[in-house]
Amino acid sequence: MRYMYYQEMKRLKQIAKDRFLGMTKQLRQAFKDINPEEISFPGDNVIFKAKPQWFEIAEDMDRFYAFNSEVSQLLNGPVPPENPDTCKWCYYRICTQKPKEVQEDIPF
């Protein structure tokens, strides 16, 4: 009950915030890449010095919806056959499975 109340209050606060600020479209999409150029270890601390790089991503909703459709088809479709020779995930799964009980395979 408390969780439902919390979710409803959170939703109402978001609606009020959107009405107060006005709905605005996100203008730019990007990600920042941070690669340390210099690392030092003064005492018990670690200091990273880096120059972040900004990589802007152009909005392409047609490609996004096409990708989303492909993912949906894959998730709703049949499970693909395992092939550990070409699929690293299949290989990992096979290598990390617990061995079956050998006793069940013995006929006596």
N, C-alpha and C. Protein backbone atom coordinates (compact mmCIF):
# COMPACT_ATOMS: atom_id res chain seq x y z
N MET A 1 0.82 -1.19 0.00
CA MET A 1 0.00 0.00 0.00
C MET A 1 0.87 1.26 0.00
N ARG A 2 1.88 1.26 0.85
CA ARG A 2 2.76 2.43 0.91
C ARG A 2 3.49 2.64 -0.41
N TYR A 3 3.90 1.53 -1.03
CA TYR A 3 4.62 1.63 -2.30
C TYR A 3 3.73 2.25 -3.37
N MET A 4 2.45 1.82 -3.44
CA MET A 4 1.52 2.38 -4.41
C MET A 4 1.32 3.87 -4.16
N TYR A 5 1.19 4.26 -2.90
CA TYR A 5 1.04 5.67 -2.55
C TYR A 5 2.28 6.46 -2.98
N TYR A 6 3.46 5.90 -2.71
CA TYR A 6 4.70 6.55 -3.08
C TYR A 6 4.78 6.74 -4.60
N GLN A 7 4.41 5.70 -5.36
CA GLN A 7 4.46 5.79 -6.82
C GLN A 7 3.49 6.84 -7.35
N GLU A 8 2.29 6.89 -6.76
CA GLU A 8 1.29 7.87 -7.19
C GLU A 8 1.75 9.29 -6.88
N MET A 9 2.33 9.50 -5.71
CA MET A 9 2.84 10.82 -5.36
C MET A 9 3.98 11.22 -6.29
N LYS A 10 4.82 10.27 -6.60
CA LYS A 10 5.93 10.54 -7.49
C LYS A 10 5.42 10.95 -8.88
N ARG A 11 4.38 10.25 -9.35
CA ARG A 11 3.79 10.56 -10.65
C ARG A 11 3.15 11.95 -10.64
N LEU A 12 2.44 12.28 -9.57
CA LEU A 12 1.79 13.59 -9.49
C LEU A 12 2.83 14.72 -9.42
N LYS A 13 3.92 14.49 -8.70
CA LYS A 13 4.98 15.50 -8.64
C LYS A 13 5.59 15.72 -10.02
N GLN A 14 5.77 14.64 -10.79
CA GLN A 14 6.34 14.77 -12.12
C GLN A 14 5.39 15.55 -13.03
N ILE A 15 4.09 15.29 -12.93
CA ILE A 15 3.10 16.02 -13.73
C ILE A 15 3.15 17.51 -13.39
N ALA A 16 3.20 17.82 -12.10
CA ALA A 16 3.26 19.22 -11.67
C ALA A 16 4.54 19.89 -12.18
N LYS A 17 5.63 19.18 -12.09
CA LYS A 17 6.92 19.72 -12.55
C LYS A 17 6.87 19.99 -14.04
N ASP A 18 6.32 19.04 -14.82
CA ASP A 18 6.23 19.22 -16.27
C ASP A 18 5.35 20.40 -16.63
N ARG A 19 4.25 20.58 -15.90
CA ARG A 19 3.36 21.71 -16.18
C ARG A 19 4.02 23.03 -15.82
N PHE A 20 4.78 23.04 -14.72
CA PHE A 20 5.44 24.28 -14.29
C PHE A 20 6.56 24.65 -15.25
N LEU A 21 7.37 23.69 -15.62
CA LEU A 21 8.53 23.97 -16.48
C LEU A 21 8.15 23.99 -17.95
N GLY A 22 7.05 23.37 -18.29
CA GLY A 22 6.69 23.25 -19.70
C GLY A 22 7.43 22.06 -20.30
N MET A 23 6.75 21.32 -21.11
CA MET A 23 7.39 20.16 -21.73
C MET A 23 8.36 20.65 -22.81
N THR A 24 9.59 20.31 -22.67
CA THR A 24 10.59 20.70 -23.65
C THR A 24 11.23 19.45 -24.22
N LYS A 25 11.54 19.49 -25.49
CA LYS A 25 12.18 18.37 -26.15
C LYS A 25 13.67 18.42 -25.86
N GLN A 26 14.25 17.26 -25.67
CA GLN A 26 15.68 17.21 -25.46
C GLN A 26 16.35 17.63 -26.76
N LEU A 27 17.23 18.60 -26.69
CA LEU A 27 17.81 19.16 -27.90
C LEU A 27 19.01 18.39 -28.40
N ARG A 28 19.83 17.90 -27.49
CA ARG A 28 21.05 17.21 -27.91
C ARG A 28 21.21 15.92 -27.13
N GLN A 29 21.69 14.91 -27.84
CA GLN A 29 22.01 13.63 -27.21
C GLN A 29 23.50 13.38 -27.44
N ALA A 30 24.15 12.89 -26.42
CA ALA A 30 25.57 12.64 -26.56
C ALA A 30 26.04 11.76 -25.43
N PHE A 31 27.27 11.34 -25.52
CA PHE A 31 27.90 10.69 -24.39
C PHE A 31 29.30 11.26 -24.23
N LYS A 32 29.79 11.19 -23.02
CA LYS A 32 31.13 11.69 -22.73
C LYS A 32 32.07 10.52 -22.55
N ASP A 33 33.22 10.65 -23.15
CA ASP A 33 34.26 9.63 -23.04
C ASP A 33 35.36 10.22 -22.17
N ILE A 34 35.69 9.51 -21.11
CA ILE A 34 36.73 10.00 -20.20
C ILE A 34 37.84 8.96 -20.14
N ASN A 35 38.98 9.29 -20.71
CA ASN A 35 40.15 8.43 -20.68
C ASN A 35 41.23 9.12 -19.87
N PRO A 36 41.70 8.50 -18.80
CA PRO A 36 42.74 9.14 -18.00
C PRO A 36 44.02 9.34 -18.81
N GLU A 37 44.54 10.55 -18.76
CA GLU A 37 45.80 10.85 -19.43
C GLU A 37 46.98 10.74 -18.46
N GLU A 38 46.67 10.95 -17.19
CA GLU A 38 47.72 10.89 -16.18
C GLU A 38 47.12 10.33 -14.89
N ILE A 39 47.85 9.41 -14.28
CA ILE A 39 47.39 8.81 -13.02
C ILE A 39 48.53 8.94 -12.02
N SER A 40 48.19 9.41 -10.82
CA SER A 40 49.20 9.50 -9.76
C SER A 40 48.64 8.88 -8.49
N PHE A 41 49.55 8.45 -7.63
CA PHE A 41 49.19 7.78 -6.38
C PHE A 41 49.82 8.49 -5.18
N PRO A 42 49.31 9.68 -4.83
CA PRO A 42 49.87 10.37 -3.67
C PRO A 42 49.32 9.77 -2.37
N GLY A 43 50.16 9.12 -1.63
CA GLY A 43 49.74 8.51 -0.37
C GLY A 43 48.76 7.38 -0.61
N ASP A 44 47.61 7.44 0.06
CA ASP A 44 46.57 6.42 -0.09
C ASP A 44 45.53 6.79 -1.14
N ASN A 45 45.76 7.84 -1.91
CA ASN A 45 44.80 8.32 -2.89
C ASN A 45 45.23 7.98 -4.30
N VAL A 46 44.27 8.03 -5.21
CA VAL A 46 44.54 7.88 -6.64
C VAL A 46 43.95 9.10 -7.32
N ILE A 47 44.74 9.76 -8.15
CA ILE A 47 44.27 10.95 -8.86
C ILE A 47 44.34 10.69 -10.36
N PHE A 48 43.18 10.86 -11.02
CA PHE A 48 43.10 10.73 -12.47
C PHE A 48 42.98 12.13 -13.06
N LYS A 49 43.76 12.42 -14.08
CA LYS A 49 43.62 13.67 -14.81
C LYS A 49 43.22 13.29 -16.24
N ALA A 50 42.12 13.90 -16.70
CA ALA A 50 41.60 13.56 -18.02
C ALA A 50 40.91 14.75 -18.64
N LYS A 51 40.80 14.72 -19.98
CA LYS A 51 40.04 15.71 -20.73
C LYS A 51 38.86 14.97 -21.34
N PRO A 52 37.66 15.19 -20.80
CA PRO A 52 36.48 14.50 -21.35
C PRO A 52 36.22 14.92 -22.80
N GLN A 53 35.80 13.97 -23.60
CA GLN A 53 35.43 14.25 -24.98
C GLN A 53 33.93 14.08 -25.12
N TRP A 54 33.30 14.97 -25.86
CA TRP A 54 31.85 14.98 -26.06
C TRP A 54 31.57 14.43 -27.46
N PHE A 55 30.80 13.35 -27.54
CA PHE A 55 30.42 12.76 -28.82
C PHE A 55 28.91 12.92 -28.99
N GLU A 56 28.53 13.80 -29.88
CA GLU A 56 27.10 14.05 -30.08
C GLU A 56 26.50 12.96 -30.96
N ILE A 57 25.26 12.60 -30.64
CA ILE A 57 24.54 11.56 -31.37
C ILE A 57 23.34 12.22 -32.04
N ALA A 58 23.29 12.10 -33.36
CA ALA A 58 22.17 12.69 -34.10
C ALA A 58 20.91 11.85 -33.87
N GLU A 59 19.78 12.53 -33.74
CA GLU A 59 18.51 11.83 -33.54
C GLU A 59 18.05 11.22 -34.85
N ASP A 60 17.77 9.93 -34.82
CA ASP A 60 17.27 9.22 -36.00
C ASP A 60 16.20 8.25 -35.52
N MET A 61 14.98 8.73 -35.39
CA MET A 61 13.90 7.92 -34.83
C MET A 61 13.54 6.74 -35.71
N ASP A 62 13.69 6.87 -37.03
CA ASP A 62 13.37 5.74 -37.92
C ASP A 62 14.28 4.56 -37.63
N ARG A 63 15.58 4.82 -37.49
CA ARG A 63 16.52 3.74 -37.18
C ARG A 63 16.26 3.18 -35.78
N PHE A 64 15.91 4.06 -34.83
CA PHE A 64 15.61 3.61 -33.48
C PHE A 64 14.41 2.67 -33.47
N TYR A 65 13.33 3.06 -34.14
CA TYR A 65 12.14 2.21 -34.18
C TYR A 65 12.42 0.90 -34.92
N ALA A 66 13.24 0.93 -35.98
CA ALA A 66 13.59 -0.29 -36.69
C ALA A 66 14.39 -1.23 -35.78
N PHE A 67 15.34 -0.67 -35.04
CA PHE A 67 16.13 -1.48 -34.10
C PHE A 67 15.23 -2.05 -33.02
N ASN A 68 14.33 -1.22 -32.48
CA ASN A 68 13.42 -1.67 -31.44
C ASN A 68 12.53 -2.80 -31.95
N SER A 69 12.09 -2.72 -33.19
CA SER A 69 11.27 -3.76 -33.80
C SER A 69 12.05 -5.07 -33.92
N GLU A 70 13.32 -4.98 -34.34
CA GLU A 70 14.16 -6.18 -34.45
C GLU A 70 14.36 -6.85 -33.10
N VAL A 71 14.61 -6.05 -32.07
CA VAL A 71 14.79 -6.60 -30.73
C VAL A 71 13.51 -7.28 -30.26
N SER A 72 12.38 -6.64 -30.51
CA SER A 72 11.10 -7.21 -30.11
C SER A 72 10.84 -8.54 -30.82
N GLN A 73 11.13 -8.61 -32.11
CA GLN A 73 10.96 -9.86 -32.85
C GLN A 73 11.87 -10.95 -32.30
N LEU A 74 13.09 -10.60 -31.98
CA LEU A 74 14.03 -11.58 -31.43
C LEU A 74 13.55 -12.11 -30.09
N LEU A 75 13.10 -11.21 -29.22
CA LEU A 75 12.65 -11.63 -27.89
C LEU A 75 11.35 -12.41 -27.92
N ASN A 76 10.47 -12.11 -28.87
CA ASN A 76 9.19 -12.80 -28.97
C ASN A 76 9.28 -14.08 -29.80
N GLY A 77 10.37 -14.28 -30.50
CA GLY A 77 10.51 -15.44 -31.38
C GLY A 77 11.05 -16.65 -30.64
N PRO A 78 11.31 -17.71 -31.40
CA PRO A 78 11.85 -18.93 -30.78
C PRO A 78 13.29 -18.73 -30.32
N VAL A 79 13.70 -19.56 -29.39
CA VAL A 79 15.07 -19.50 -28.89
C VAL A 79 16.00 -20.01 -29.99
N PRO A 80 17.02 -19.25 -30.36
CA PRO A 80 17.94 -19.71 -31.40
C PRO A 80 18.73 -20.93 -30.94
N PRO A 81 19.14 -21.80 -31.86
CA PRO A 81 19.91 -22.98 -31.46
C PRO A 81 21.28 -22.59 -30.92
N GLU A 82 21.76 -23.39 -29.97
CA GLU A 82 23.08 -23.12 -29.40
C GLU A 82 24.16 -23.54 -30.38
N ASN A 83 25.16 -22.71 -30.53
CA ASN A 83 26.29 -23.03 -31.38
C ASN A 83 27.54 -22.46 -30.72
N PRO A 84 28.21 -23.25 -29.86
CA PRO A 84 29.37 -22.71 -29.13
C PRO A 84 30.56 -22.38 -30.02
N ASP A 85 30.54 -22.84 -31.27
CA ASP A 85 31.66 -22.53 -32.17
C ASP A 85 31.61 -21.09 -32.67
N THR A 86 30.41 -20.55 -32.83
CA THR A 86 30.29 -19.19 -33.37
C THR A 86 29.71 -18.20 -32.36
N CYS A 87 29.15 -18.70 -31.26
CA CYS A 87 28.49 -17.82 -30.29
C CYS A 87 29.25 -17.87 -28.96
N LYS A 88 29.86 -16.75 -28.60
CA LYS A 88 30.64 -16.70 -27.35
C LYS A 88 29.75 -16.88 -26.12
N TRP A 89 28.50 -16.39 -26.18
CA TRP A 89 27.59 -16.54 -25.06
C TRP A 89 27.26 -18.02 -24.86
N CYS A 90 27.01 -18.75 -25.96
CA CYS A 90 26.71 -20.19 -25.86
C CYS A 90 27.91 -20.92 -25.26
N TYR A 91 29.11 -20.58 -25.71
CA TYR A 91 30.32 -21.21 -25.21
C TYR A 91 30.47 -20.96 -23.71
N TYR A 92 30.23 -19.72 -23.28
CA TYR A 92 30.31 -19.36 -21.86
C TYR A 92 29.30 -20.17 -21.05
N ARG A 93 28.08 -20.25 -21.54
CA ARG A 93 27.04 -20.98 -20.82
C ARG A 93 27.40 -22.45 -20.66
N ILE A 94 27.91 -23.05 -21.72
CA ILE A 94 28.28 -24.47 -21.66
C ILE A 94 29.44 -24.68 -20.69
N CYS A 95 30.42 -23.79 -20.72
CA CYS A 95 31.61 -23.93 -19.86
C CYS A 95 31.31 -23.71 -18.38
N THR A 96 30.26 -22.95 -18.07
CA THR A 96 29.98 -22.63 -16.67
C THR A 96 28.81 -23.41 -16.08
N GLN A 97 28.22 -24.33 -16.85
CA GLN A 97 27.13 -25.14 -16.32
C GLN A 97 27.65 -26.12 -15.29
N LYS A 98 26.83 -26.37 -14.29
CA LYS A 98 27.19 -27.38 -13.30
C LYS A 98 27.05 -28.75 -13.93
N PRO A 99 27.95 -29.65 -13.63
CA PRO A 99 27.83 -31.00 -14.20
C PRO A 99 26.60 -31.71 -13.66
N LYS A 100 25.99 -32.52 -14.52
CA LYS A 100 24.83 -33.30 -14.10
C LYS A 100 25.27 -34.38 -13.12
N GLU A 101 24.32 -34.84 -12.37
CA GLU A 101 24.59 -35.95 -11.47
C GLU A 101 24.85 -37.20 -12.31
N VAL A 102 26.02 -37.76 -12.16
CA VAL A 102 26.40 -38.93 -12.95
C VAL A 102 25.58 -40.14 -12.51
N GLN A 103 25.19 -40.19 -11.27
CA GLN A 103 24.47 -41.34 -10.73
C GLN A 103 23.17 -41.59 -11.50
N GLU A 104 22.51 -40.54 -11.95
CA GLU A 104 21.25 -40.70 -12.67
C GLU A 104 21.45 -41.40 -14.01
N ASP A 105 22.63 -41.28 -14.61
CA ASP A 105 22.90 -41.89 -15.91
C ASP A 105 23.29 -43.36 -15.80
N ILE A 106 23.66 -43.80 -14.63
CA ILE A 106 24.08 -45.20 -14.44
C ILE A 106 22.83 -46.07 -14.27
N PRO A 107 22.66 -47.14 -15.08
CA PRO A 107 21.42 -47.92 -15.05
C PRO A 107 21.29 -48.85 -13.86
N PHE A 108 22.28 -48.98 -13.00
CA PHE A 108 22.15 -49.92 -11.87
C PHE A 108 22.35 -49.21 -10.56
